[in-house]
Amino acid sequence: MAVAVEDSRLILEGEVNSATVAALLDDVLAHVREGAEAVDFGAVTDLDSSAVALALACVREAKALDRSLRFINLPPKFVNLARLYNVSELFADAA
């Protein structure tokens, strides 16, 4: 698992699951505070519901800063989990 930044896009790489999300959280939220405009899941190789929790934490952080945040390249598994937890509307604009 890793986090890379390209322009204003935060790129998540590798596994985003219960074993990795705690290590990612502070770094990811710091990038949101620093102005990341998008979170890209395109390089995520595996995820579980912890990925949805991470994304929700990002949404809360961005809203607290009165910023918008987009999510791109969401895998079908993420979309299905977001629907299951009734939060898919928060990611409706995901490309």
PDB file of N, CA and C in Angstrom:
ATOM      1  N   MET A   1       0.828  -1.166   0.000  1.00  0.00           N
ATOM      2  CA  MET A   1       0.000   0.000   0.000  1.00  0.00           C
ATOM      3  C   MET A   1       0.875   1.232   0.000  1.00  0.00           C
ATOM      4  N   ALA A   2       0.461   2.222  -0.770  1.00  0.00           N
ATOM      5  CA  ALA A   2       1.227   3.454  -0.873  1.00  0.00           C
ATOM      6  C   ALA A   2       0.294   4.582  -1.310  1.00  0.00           C
ATOM      7  N   VAL A   3       0.776   5.781  -1.081  1.00  0.00           N
ATOM      8  CA  VAL A   3       0.048   6.976  -1.506  1.00  0.00           C
ATOM      9  C   VAL A   3       1.013   7.804  -2.342  1.00  0.00           C
ATOM     10  N   ALA A   4       0.565   8.176  -3.521  1.00  0.00           N
ATOM     11  CA  ALA A   4       1.363   9.040  -4.384  1.00  0.00           C
ATOM     12  C   ALA A   4       0.531  10.272  -4.709  1.00  0.00           C
ATOM     13  N   VAL A   5       1.205  11.358  -5.015  1.00  0.00           N
ATOM     14  CA  VAL A   5       0.511  12.588  -5.376  1.00  0.00           C
ATOM     15  C   VAL A   5       1.007  13.029  -6.738  1.00  0.00           C
ATOM     16  N   GLU A   6       0.058  13.301  -7.615  1.00  0.00           N
ATOM     17  CA  GLU A   6       0.369  13.800  -8.948  1.00  0.00           C
ATOM     18  C   GLU A   6      -0.533  14.993  -9.199  1.00  0.00           C
ATOM     19  N   ASP A   7       0.074  16.164  -9.323  1.00  0.00           N
ATOM     20  CA  ASP A   7      -0.682  17.414  -9.406  1.00  0.00           C
ATOM     21  C   ASP A   7      -1.581  17.509  -8.169  1.00  0.00           C
ATOM     22  N   SER A   8      -2.869  17.615  -8.355  1.00  0.00           N
ATOM     23  CA  SER A   8      -3.785  17.699  -7.207  1.00  0.00           C
ATOM     24  C   SER A   8      -4.541  16.386  -7.004  1.00  0.00           C
ATOM     25  N   ARG A   9      -3.999  15.310  -7.564  1.00  0.00           N
ATOM     26  CA  ARG A   9      -4.636  13.990  -7.487  1.00  0.00           C
ATOM     27  C   ARG A   9      -3.874  13.092  -6.529  1.00  0.00           C
ATOM     28  N   LEU A  10      -4.579  12.543  -5.579  1.00  0.00           N
ATOM     29  CA  LEU A  10      -4.037  11.607  -4.609  1.00  0.00           C
ATOM     30  C   LEU A  10      -4.272  10.198  -5.147  1.00  0.00           C
ATOM     31  N   ILE A  11      -3.204   9.449  -5.343  1.00  0.00           N
ATOM     32  CA  ILE A  11      -3.302   8.126  -5.958  1.00  0.00           C
ATOM     33  C   ILE A  11      -3.046   7.063  -4.888  1.00  0.00           C
ATOM     34  N   LEU A  12      -4.052   6.236  -4.659  1.00  0.00           N
ATOM     35  CA  LEU A  12      -3.906   5.118  -3.730  1.00  0.00           C
ATOM     36  C   LEU A  12      -3.420   3.911  -4.522  1.00  0.00           C
ATOM     37  N   GLU A  13      -2.428   3.224  -3.968  1.00  0.00           N
ATOM     38  CA  GLU A  13      -1.837   2.079  -4.670  1.00  0.00           C
ATOM     39  C   GLU A  13      -1.802   0.865  -3.761  1.00  0.00           C
ATOM     40  N   GLY A  14      -2.070  -0.302  -4.318  1.00  0.00           N
ATOM     41  CA  GLY A  14      -2.005  -1.549  -3.556  1.00  0.00           C
ATOM     42  C   GLY A  14      -3.313  -1.848  -2.845  1.00  0.00           C
ATOM     43  N   GLU A  15      -3.199  -2.505  -1.706  1.00  0.00           N
ATOM     44  CA  GLU A  15      -4.378  -2.925  -0.952  1.00  0.00           C
ATOM     45  C   GLU A  15      -4.853  -1.817  -0.020  1.00  0.00           C
ATOM     46  N   VAL A  16      -6.157  -1.604  -0.018  1.00  0.00           N
ATOM     47  CA  VAL A  16      -6.790  -0.676   0.926  1.00  0.00           C
ATOM     48  C   VAL A  16      -7.834  -1.499   1.668  1.00  0.00           C
ATOM     49  N   ASN A  17      -7.427  -2.018   2.817  1.00  0.00           N
ATOM     50  CA  ASN A  17      -8.304  -2.907   3.572  1.00  0.00           C
ATOM     51  C   ASN A  17      -8.052  -2.733   5.065  1.00  0.00           C
ATOM     52  N   SER A  18      -8.668  -3.566   5.852  1.00  0.00           N
ATOM     53  CA  SER A  18      -8.565  -3.415   7.303  1.00  0.00           C
ATOM     54  C   SER A  18      -7.129  -3.550   7.813  1.00  0.00           C
ATOM     55  N   ALA A  19      -6.282  -4.215   7.062  1.00  0.00           N
ATOM     56  CA  ALA A  19      -4.890  -4.377   7.483  1.00  0.00           C
ATOM     57  C   ALA A  19      -4.029  -3.160   7.137  1.00  0.00           C
ATOM     58  N   THR A  20      -4.487  -2.325   6.198  1.00  0.00           N
ATOM     59  CA  THR A  20      -3.646  -1.221   5.726  1.00  0.00           C
ATOM     60  C   THR A  20      -4.213   0.167   5.983  1.00  0.00           C
ATOM     61  N   VAL A  21      -5.505   0.270   6.199  1.00  0.00           N
ATOM     62  CA  VAL A  21      -6.126   1.593   6.219  1.00  0.00           C
ATOM     63  C   VAL A  21      -5.654   2.458   7.390  1.00  0.00           C
ATOM     64  N   ALA A  22      -5.373   1.881   8.521  1.00  0.00           N
ATOM     65  CA  ALA A  22      -4.901   2.677   9.657  1.00  0.00           C
ATOM     66  C   ALA A  22      -3.585   3.382   9.321  1.00  0.00           C
ATOM     67  N   ALA A  23      -2.715   2.696   8.595  1.00  0.00           N
ATOM     68  CA  ALA A  23      -1.436   3.288   8.200  1.00  0.00           C
ATOM     69  C   ALA A  23      -1.616   4.355   7.123  1.00  0.00           C
ATOM     70  N   LEU A  24      -2.668   4.258   6.340  1.00  0.00           N
ATOM     71  CA  LEU A  24      -2.930   5.221   5.269  1.00  0.00           C
ATOM     72  C   LEU A  24      -3.635   6.482   5.749  1.00  0.00           C
ATOM     73  N   LEU A  25      -4.450   6.360   6.765  1.00  0.00           N
ATOM     74  CA  LEU A  25      -5.389   7.421   7.145  1.00  0.00           C
ATOM     75  C   LEU A  25      -4.730   8.778   7.352  1.00  0.00           C
ATOM     76  N   ASP A  26      -3.738   8.878   8.194  1.00  0.00           N
ATOM     77  CA  ASP A  26      -3.127  10.180   8.486  1.00  0.00           C
ATOM     78  C   ASP A  26      -2.511  10.805   7.237  1.00  0.00           C
ATOM     79  N   ASP A  27      -1.827   9.995   6.445  1.00  0.00           N
ATOM     80  CA  ASP A  27      -1.190  10.490   5.228  1.00  0.00           C
ATOM     81  C   ASP A  27      -2.223  10.988   4.225  1.00  0.00           C
ATOM     82  N   VAL A  28      -3.268  10.205   4.039  1.00  0.00           N
ATOM     83  CA  VAL A  28      -4.315  10.581   3.088  1.00  0.00           C
ATOM     84  C   VAL A  28      -5.015  11.868   3.534  1.00  0.00           C
ATOM     85  N   LEU A  29      -5.377  11.959   4.803  1.00  0.00           N
ATOM     86  CA  LEU A  29      -6.054  13.168   5.294  1.00  0.00           C
ATOM     87  C   LEU A  29      -5.140  14.384   5.217  1.00  0.00           C
ATOM     88  N   ALA A  30      -3.846  14.199   5.438  1.00  0.00           N
ATOM     89  CA  ALA A  30      -2.904  15.317   5.302  1.00  0.00           C
ATOM     90  C   ALA A  30      -2.918  15.850   3.869  1.00  0.00           C
ATOM     91  N   HIS A  31      -2.963  14.961   2.895  1.00  0.00           N
ATOM     92  CA  HIS A  31      -3.006  15.390   1.495  1.00  0.00           C
ATOM     93  C   HIS A  31      -4.316  16.106   1.178  1.00  0.00           C
ATOM     94  N   VAL A  32      -5.395  15.672   1.764  1.00  0.00           N
ATOM     95  CA  VAL A  32      -6.675  16.371   1.572  1.00  0.00           C
ATOM     96  C   VAL A  32      -6.556  17.780   2.145  1.00  0.00           C
ATOM     97  N   ARG A  33      -5.989  17.906   3.337  1.00  0.00           N
ATOM     98  CA  ARG A  33      -5.803  19.229   3.948  1.00  0.00           C
ATOM     99  C   ARG A  33      -4.886  20.110   3.107  1.00  0.00           C
ATOM    100  N   GLU A  34      -3.919  19.498   2.436  1.00  0.00           N
ATOM    101  CA  GLU A  34      -2.967  20.251   1.610  1.00  0.00           C
ATOM    102  C   GLU A  34      -3.532  20.629   0.244  1.00  0.00           C
ATOM    103  N   GLY A  35      -4.756  20.214  -0.048  1.00  0.00           N
ATOM    104  CA  GLY A  35      -5.399  20.662  -1.276  1.00  0.00           C
ATOM    105  C   GLY A  35      -5.665  19.627  -2.342  1.00  0.00           C
ATOM    106  N   ALA A  36      -5.515  18.360  -2.032  1.00  0.00           N
ATOM    107  CA  ALA A  36      -5.862  17.341  -3.030  1.00  0.00           C
ATOM    108  C   ALA A  36      -7.300  17.550  -3.483  1.00  0.00           C
ATOM    109  N   GLU A  37      -7.515  17.471  -4.775  1.00  0.00           N
ATOM    110  CA  GLU A  37      -8.845  17.679  -5.339  1.00  0.00           C
ATOM    111  C   GLU A  37      -9.511  16.384  -5.761  1.00  0.00           C
ATOM    112  N   ALA A  38      -8.725  15.314  -5.854  1.00  0.00           N
ATOM    113  CA  ALA A  38      -9.266  14.027  -6.286  1.00  0.00           C
ATOM    114  C   ALA A  38      -8.514  12.900  -5.606  1.00  0.00           C
ATOM    115  N   VAL A  39      -9.227  11.817  -5.360  1.00  0.00           N
ATOM    116  CA  VAL A  39      -8.639  10.590  -4.836  1.00  0.00           C
ATOM    117  C   VAL A  39      -8.850   9.521  -5.907  1.00  0.00           C
ATOM    118  N   ASP A  40      -7.757   8.958  -6.382  1.00  0.00           N
ATOM    119  CA  ASP A  40      -7.781   8.012  -7.493  1.00  0.00           C
ATOM    120  C   ASP A  40      -7.573   6.591  -6.955  1.00  0.00           C
ATOM    121  N   PHE A  41      -8.554   5.732  -7.195  1.00  0.00           N
ATOM    122  CA  PHE A  41      -8.496   4.336  -6.763  1.00  0.00           C
ATOM    123  C   PHE A  41      -8.024   3.403  -7.880  1.00  0.00           C
ATOM    124  N   GLY A  42      -7.559   3.949  -8.988  1.00  0.00           N
ATOM    125  CA  GLY A  42      -7.207   3.141 -10.154  1.00  0.00           C
ATOM    126  C   GLY A  42      -6.099   2.132  -9.930  1.00  0.00           C
ATOM    127  N   ALA A  43      -5.192   2.401  -8.988  1.00  0.00           N
ATOM    128  CA  ALA A  43      -4.069   1.484  -8.737  1.00  0.00           C
ATOM    129  C   ALA A  43      -4.296   0.613  -7.506  1.00  0.00           C
ATOM    130  N   VAL A  44      -5.514   0.621  -6.976  1.00  0.00           N
ATOM    131  CA  VAL A  44      -5.843  -0.221  -5.826  1.00  0.00           C
ATOM    132  C   VAL A  44      -6.031  -1.650  -6.321  1.00  0.00           C
ATOM    133  N   THR A  45      -5.343  -2.587  -5.687  1.00  0.00           N
ATOM    134  CA  THR A  45      -5.394  -3.981  -6.123  1.00  0.00           C
ATOM    135  C   THR A  45      -6.415  -4.812  -5.351  1.00  0.00           C
ATOM    136  N   ASP A  46      -6.753  -4.394  -4.146  1.00  0.00           N
ATOM    137  CA  ASP A  46      -7.753  -5.092  -3.341  1.00  0.00           C
ATOM    138  C   ASP A  46      -8.294  -4.114  -2.324  1.00  0.00           C
ATOM    139  N   LEU A  47      -9.568  -4.280  -1.975  1.00  0.00           N
ATOM    140  CA  LEU A  47     -10.169  -3.409  -0.980  1.00  0.00           C
ATOM    141  C   LEU A  47     -11.291  -4.127  -0.262  1.00  0.00           C
ATOM    142  N   ASP A  48     -11.632  -3.585   0.890  1.00  0.00           N
ATOM    143  CA  ASP A  48     -12.795  -4.051   1.629  1.00  0.00           C
ATOM    144  C   ASP A  48     -13.540  -2.816   2.138  1.00  0.00           C
ATOM    145  N   SER A  49     -14.441  -3.005   3.071  1.00  0.00           N
ATOM    146  CA  SER A  49     -15.248  -1.887   3.551  1.00  0.00           C
ATOM    147  C   SER A  49     -14.404  -0.786   4.189  1.00  0.00           C
ATOM    148  N   SER A  50     -13.192  -1.093   4.580  1.00  0.00           N
ATOM    149  CA  SER A  50     -12.300  -0.070   5.128  1.00  0.00           C
ATOM    150  C   SER A  50     -11.982   1.009   4.097  1.00  0.00           C
ATOM    151  N   ALA A  51     -11.984   0.652   2.834  1.00  0.00           N
ATOM    152  CA  ALA A  51     -11.743   1.637   1.779  1.00  0.00           C
ATOM    153  C   ALA A  51     -12.884   2.650   1.738  1.00  0.00           C
ATOM    154  N   VAL A  52     -14.095   2.184   1.944  1.00  0.00           N
ATOM    155  CA  VAL A  52     -15.243   3.092   1.991  1.00  0.00           C
ATOM    156  C   VAL A  52     -15.118   4.002   3.211  1.00  0.00           C
ATOM    157  N   ALA A  53     -14.708   3.444   4.343  1.00  0.00           N
ATOM    158  CA  ALA A  53     -14.510   4.254   5.549  1.00  0.00           C
ATOM    159  C   ALA A  53     -13.434   5.314   5.317  1.00  0.00           C
ATOM    160  N   LEU A  54     -12.354   4.957   4.644  1.00  0.00           N
ATOM    161  CA  LEU A  54     -11.301   5.910   4.325  1.00  0.00           C
ATOM    162  C   LEU A  54     -11.840   7.029   3.432  1.00  0.00           C
ATOM    163  N   ALA A  55     -12.604   6.655   2.431  1.00  0.00           N
ATOM    164  CA  ALA A  55     -13.175   7.653   1.531  1.00  0.00           C
ATOM    165  C   ALA A  55     -14.136   8.586   2.280  1.00  0.00           C
ATOM    166  N   LEU A  56     -14.927   8.032   3.180  1.00  0.00           N
ATOM    167  CA  LEU A  56     -15.836   8.867   3.974  1.00  0.00           C
ATOM    168  C   LEU A  56     -15.059   9.829   4.871  1.00  0.00           C
ATOM    169  N   ALA A  57     -13.953   9.391   5.429  1.00  0.00           N
ATOM    170  CA  ALA A  57     -13.111  10.282   6.235  1.00  0.00           C
ATOM    171  C   ALA A  57     -12.581  11.422   5.367  1.00  0.00           C
ATOM    172  N   CYS A  58     -12.227  11.123   4.131  1.00  0.00           N
ATOM    173  CA  CYS A  58     -11.767  12.155   3.202  1.00  0.00           C
ATOM    174  C   CYS A  58     -12.876  13.159   2.894  1.00  0.00           C
ATOM    175  N   VAL A  59     -14.078  12.644   2.674  1.00  0.00           N
ATOM    176  CA  VAL A  59     -15.225  13.521   2.406  1.00  0.00           C
ATOM    177  C   VAL A  59     -15.459  14.448   3.591  1.00  0.00           C
ATOM    178  N   ARG A  60     -15.443  13.894   4.803  1.00  0.00           N
ATOM    179  CA  ARG A  60     -15.650  14.717   6.009  1.00  0.00           C
ATOM    180  C   ARG A  60     -14.566  15.781   6.139  1.00  0.00           C
ATOM    181  N   GLU A  61     -13.324  15.413   5.895  1.00  0.00           N
ATOM    182  CA  GLU A  61     -12.208  16.361   6.001  1.00  0.00           C
ATOM    183  C   GLU A  61     -12.366  17.483   4.979  1.00  0.00           C
ATOM    184  N   ALA A  62     -12.680  17.128   3.745  1.00  0.00           N
ATOM    185  CA  ALA A  62     -12.860  18.143   2.703  1.00  0.00           C
ATOM    186  C   ALA A  62     -14.019  19.076   3.034  1.00  0.00           C
ATOM    187  N   LYS A  63     -15.122  18.517   3.501  1.00  0.00           N
ATOM    188  CA  LYS A  63     -16.277  19.357   3.856  1.00  0.00           C
ATOM    189  C   LYS A  63     -15.941  20.293   5.015  1.00  0.00           C
ATOM    190  N   ALA A  64     -15.181  19.817   5.980  1.00  0.00           N
ATOM    191  CA  ALA A  64     -14.776  20.663   7.108  1.00  0.00           C
ATOM    192  C   ALA A  64     -13.930  21.839   6.640  1.00  0.00           C
ATOM    193  N   LEU A  65     -13.230  21.655   5.531  1.00  0.00           N
ATOM    194  CA  LEU A  65     -12.393  22.710   4.955  1.00  0.00           C
ATOM    195  C   LEU A  65     -13.125  23.493   3.872  1.00  0.00           C
ATOM    196  N   ASP A  66     -14.406  23.189   3.677  1.00  0.00           N
ATOM    197  CA  ASP A  66     -15.245  23.825   2.656  1.00  0.00           C
ATOM    198  C   ASP A  66     -14.655  23.637   1.250  1.00  0.00           C
ATOM    199  N   ARG A  67     -14.198  22.412   1.005  1.00  0.00           N
ATOM    200  CA  ARG A  67     -13.636  22.053  -0.295  1.00  0.00           C
ATOM    201  C   ARG A  67     -14.416  20.894  -0.887  1.00  0.00           C
ATOM    202  N   SER A  68     -14.311  20.775  -2.196  1.00  0.00           N
ATOM    203  CA  SER A  68     -14.906  19.610  -2.847  1.00  0.00           C
ATOM    204  C   SER A  68     -13.791  18.597  -3.103  1.00  0.00           C
ATOM    205  N   LEU A  69     -14.187  17.355  -3.195  1.00  0.00           N
ATOM    206  CA  LEU A  69     -13.233  16.274  -3.410  1.00  0.00           C
ATOM    207  C   LEU A  69     -13.899  15.257  -4.332  1.00  0.00           C
ATOM    208  N   ARG A  70     -13.196  14.897  -5.399  1.00  0.00           N
ATOM    209  CA  ARG A  70     -13.722  13.911  -6.339  1.00  0.00           C
ATOM    210  C   ARG A  70     -13.031  12.576  -6.112  1.00  0.00           C
ATOM    211  N   PHE A  71     -13.720  11.515  -6.491  1.00  0.00           N
ATOM    212  CA  PHE A  71     -13.164  10.170  -6.437  1.00  0.00           C
ATOM    213  C   PHE A  71     -13.191   9.629  -7.854  1.00  0.00           C
ATOM    214  N   ILE A  72     -12.066   9.115  -8.302  1.00  0.00           N
ATOM    215  CA  ILE A  72     -11.987   8.630  -9.674  1.00  0.00           C
ATOM    216  C   ILE A  72     -11.488   7.184  -9.697  1.00  0.00           C
ATOM    217  N   ASN A  73     -11.863   6.511 -10.767  1.00  0.00           N
ATOM    218  CA  ASN A  73     -11.472   5.111 -10.991  1.00  0.00           C
ATOM    219  C   ASN A  73     -11.888   4.197  -9.840  1.00  0.00           C
ATOM    220  N   LEU A  74     -13.106   4.397  -9.368  1.00  0.00           N
ATOM    221  CA  LEU A  74     -13.594   3.543  -8.283  1.00  0.00           C
ATOM    222  C   LEU A  74     -13.857   2.132  -8.815  1.00  0.00           C
ATOM    223  N   PRO A  75     -13.284   1.121  -8.186  1.00  0.00           N
ATOM    224  CA  PRO A  75     -13.519  -0.257  -8.618  1.00  0.00           C
ATOM    225  C   PRO A  75     -14.971  -0.678  -8.354  1.00  0.00           C
ATOM    226  N   PRO A  76     -15.486  -1.624  -9.121  1.00  0.00           N
ATOM    227  CA  PRO A  76     -16.858  -2.096  -8.893  1.00  0.00           C
ATOM    228  C   PRO A  76     -17.099  -2.561  -7.459  1.00  0.00           C
ATOM    229  N   LYS A  77     -16.115  -3.182  -6.842  1.00  0.00           N
ATOM    230  CA  LYS A  77     -16.280  -3.648  -5.465  1.00  0.00           C
ATOM    231  C   LYS A  77     -16.531  -2.469  -4.517  1.00  0.00           C
ATOM    232  N   PHE A  78     -15.835  -1.349  -4.724  1.00  0.00           N
ATOM    233  CA  PHE A  78     -16.059  -0.148  -3.915  1.00  0.00           C
ATOM    234  C   PHE A  78     -17.484   0.356  -4.122  1.00  0.00           C
ATOM    235  N   VAL A  79     -17.894   0.447  -5.380  1.00  0.00           N
ATOM    236  CA  VAL A  79     -19.235   0.942  -5.704  1.00  0.00           C
ATOM    237  C   VAL A  79     -20.299   0.063  -5.043  1.00  0.00           C
ATOM    238  N   ASN A  80     -20.109  -1.241  -5.107  1.00  0.00           N
ATOM    239  CA  ASN A  80     -21.071  -2.162  -4.482  1.00  0.00           C
ATOM    240  C   ASN A  80     -21.108  -1.986  -2.962  1.00  0.00           C
ATOM    241  N   LEU A  81     -19.954  -1.833  -2.338  1.00  0.00           N
ATOM    242  CA  LEU A  81     -19.927  -1.626  -0.888  1.00  0.00           C
ATOM    243  C   LEU A  81     -20.581  -0.294  -0.513  1.00  0.00           C
ATOM    244  N   ALA A  82     -20.325   0.741  -1.291  1.00  0.00           N
ATOM    245  CA  ALA A  82     -20.943   2.042  -1.017  1.00  0.00           C
ATOM    246  C   ALA A  82     -22.470   1.946  -1.124  1.00  0.00           C
ATOM    247  N   ARG A  83     -22.956   1.194  -2.099  1.00  0.00           N
ATOM    248  CA  ARG A  83     -24.408   0.974  -2.217  1.00  0.00           C
ATOM    249  C   ARG A  83     -24.941   0.208  -1.001  1.00  0.00           C
ATOM    250  N   LEU A  84     -24.222  -0.824  -0.596  1.00  0.00           N
ATOM    251  CA  LEU A  84     -24.626  -1.633   0.541  1.00  0.00           C
ATOM    252  C   LEU A  84     -24.764  -0.786   1.806  1.00  0.00           C
ATOM    253  N   TYR A  85     -23.836   0.152   1.995  1.00  0.00           N
ATOM    254  CA  TYR A  85     -23.848   1.009   3.187  1.00  0.00           C
ATOM    255  C   TYR A  85     -24.664   2.292   2.990  1.00  0.00           C
ATOM    256  N   ASN A  86     -25.341   2.381   1.849  1.00  0.00           N
ATOM    257  CA  ASN A  86     -26.232   3.505   1.559  1.00  0.00           C
ATOM    258  C   ASN A  86     -25.505   4.855   1.558  1.00  0.00           C
ATOM    259  N   VAL A  87     -24.284   4.868   1.019  1.00  0.00           N
ATOM    260  CA  VAL A  87     -23.532   6.109   0.906  1.00  0.00           C
ATOM    261  C   VAL A  87     -23.089   6.363  -0.538  1.00  0.00           C
ATOM    262  N   SER A  88     -23.645   5.631  -1.478  1.00  0.00           N
ATOM    263  CA  SER A  88     -23.196   5.741  -2.867  1.00  0.00           C
ATOM    264  C   SER A  88     -23.430   7.140  -3.444  1.00  0.00           C
ATOM    265  N   GLU A  89     -24.402   7.876  -2.911  1.00  0.00           N
ATOM    266  CA  GLU A  89     -24.658   9.222  -3.422  1.00  0.00           C
ATOM    267  C   GLU A  89     -23.462  10.146  -3.193  1.00  0.00           C
ATOM    268  N   LEU A  90     -22.648   9.855  -2.208  1.00  0.00           N
ATOM    269  CA  LEU A  90     -21.462  10.676  -1.952  1.00  0.00           C
ATOM    270  C   LEU A  90     -20.394  10.475  -3.018  1.00  0.00           C
ATOM    271  N   PHE A  91     -20.510   9.403  -3.782  1.00  0.00           N
ATOM    272  CA  PHE A  91     -19.525   9.080  -4.799  1.00  0.00           C
ATOM    273  C   PHE A  91     -20.157   9.049  -6.200  1.00  0.00           C
ATOM    274  N   ALA A  92     -21.338   9.644  -6.336  1.00  0.00           N
ATOM    275  CA  ALA A  92     -22.087   9.587  -7.581  1.00  0.00           C
ATOM    276  C   ALA A  92     -21.354  10.244  -8.742  1.00  0.00           C
ATOM    277  N   ASP A  93     -20.523  11.232  -8.457  1.00  0.00           N
ATOM    278  CA  ASP A  93     -19.800  11.941  -9.515  1.00  0.00           C
ATOM    279  C   ASP A  93     -18.488  11.281  -9.869  1.00  0.00           C
ATOM    280  N   ALA A  94     -18.221  10.130  -9.293  1.00  0.00           N
ATOM    281  CA  ALA A  94     -16.942   9.450  -9.541  1.00  0.00           C
ATOM    282  C   ALA A  94     -16.847   9.057 -11.004  1.00  0.00           C
ATOM    283  N   ALA A  95     -15.675   9.305 -11.555  1.00  0.00           N
ATOM    284  CA  ALA A  95     -15.473   8.993 -12.973  1.00  0.00           C
ATOM    285  C   ALA A  95     -14.882   7.613 -13.119  1.00  0.00           C
TER     286      ALA A  95
END
